[in-house]
């Protein structure tokens, strides 16, 4: 019985740690390597903090970039499409923004980056709860 309780406690904490991990997407955006981290996993309706880390081809953090986060939900019967933008502000080696997802469901995310005369964008989809 003691072994069962010990295993149950370990599993409880392991599951808790798995759910505590941020939502993360790694992709190329033109010449940039980009990591987008959302502070909730899964993303939720309401505010979700977003951190965008941009690196150049040599792996060095890109400073002074213009980073924008666009998020949208396509039109559905009886509801128009929703399109929003958030400009990310540089904080250390990353860029921070807040997405306010107005409802649960599938959202299309586009991150646009402009730095040093180069432009890049990446797209992915999230499911907000």
Foldseek 3Di string as FASTA:
>chain_A
DVVVVVVVVVVVVVVVVVQQAWDWDWDDWFQKTKIKTWRGVQAAAFKIKIKIFIAGNVRHQAPPKWKKKKKKDPDDVPGHIDIDMWTFPDDPSITMTIDHHHHFAKMKMKMWIDDPNDITIDIDIGTHD
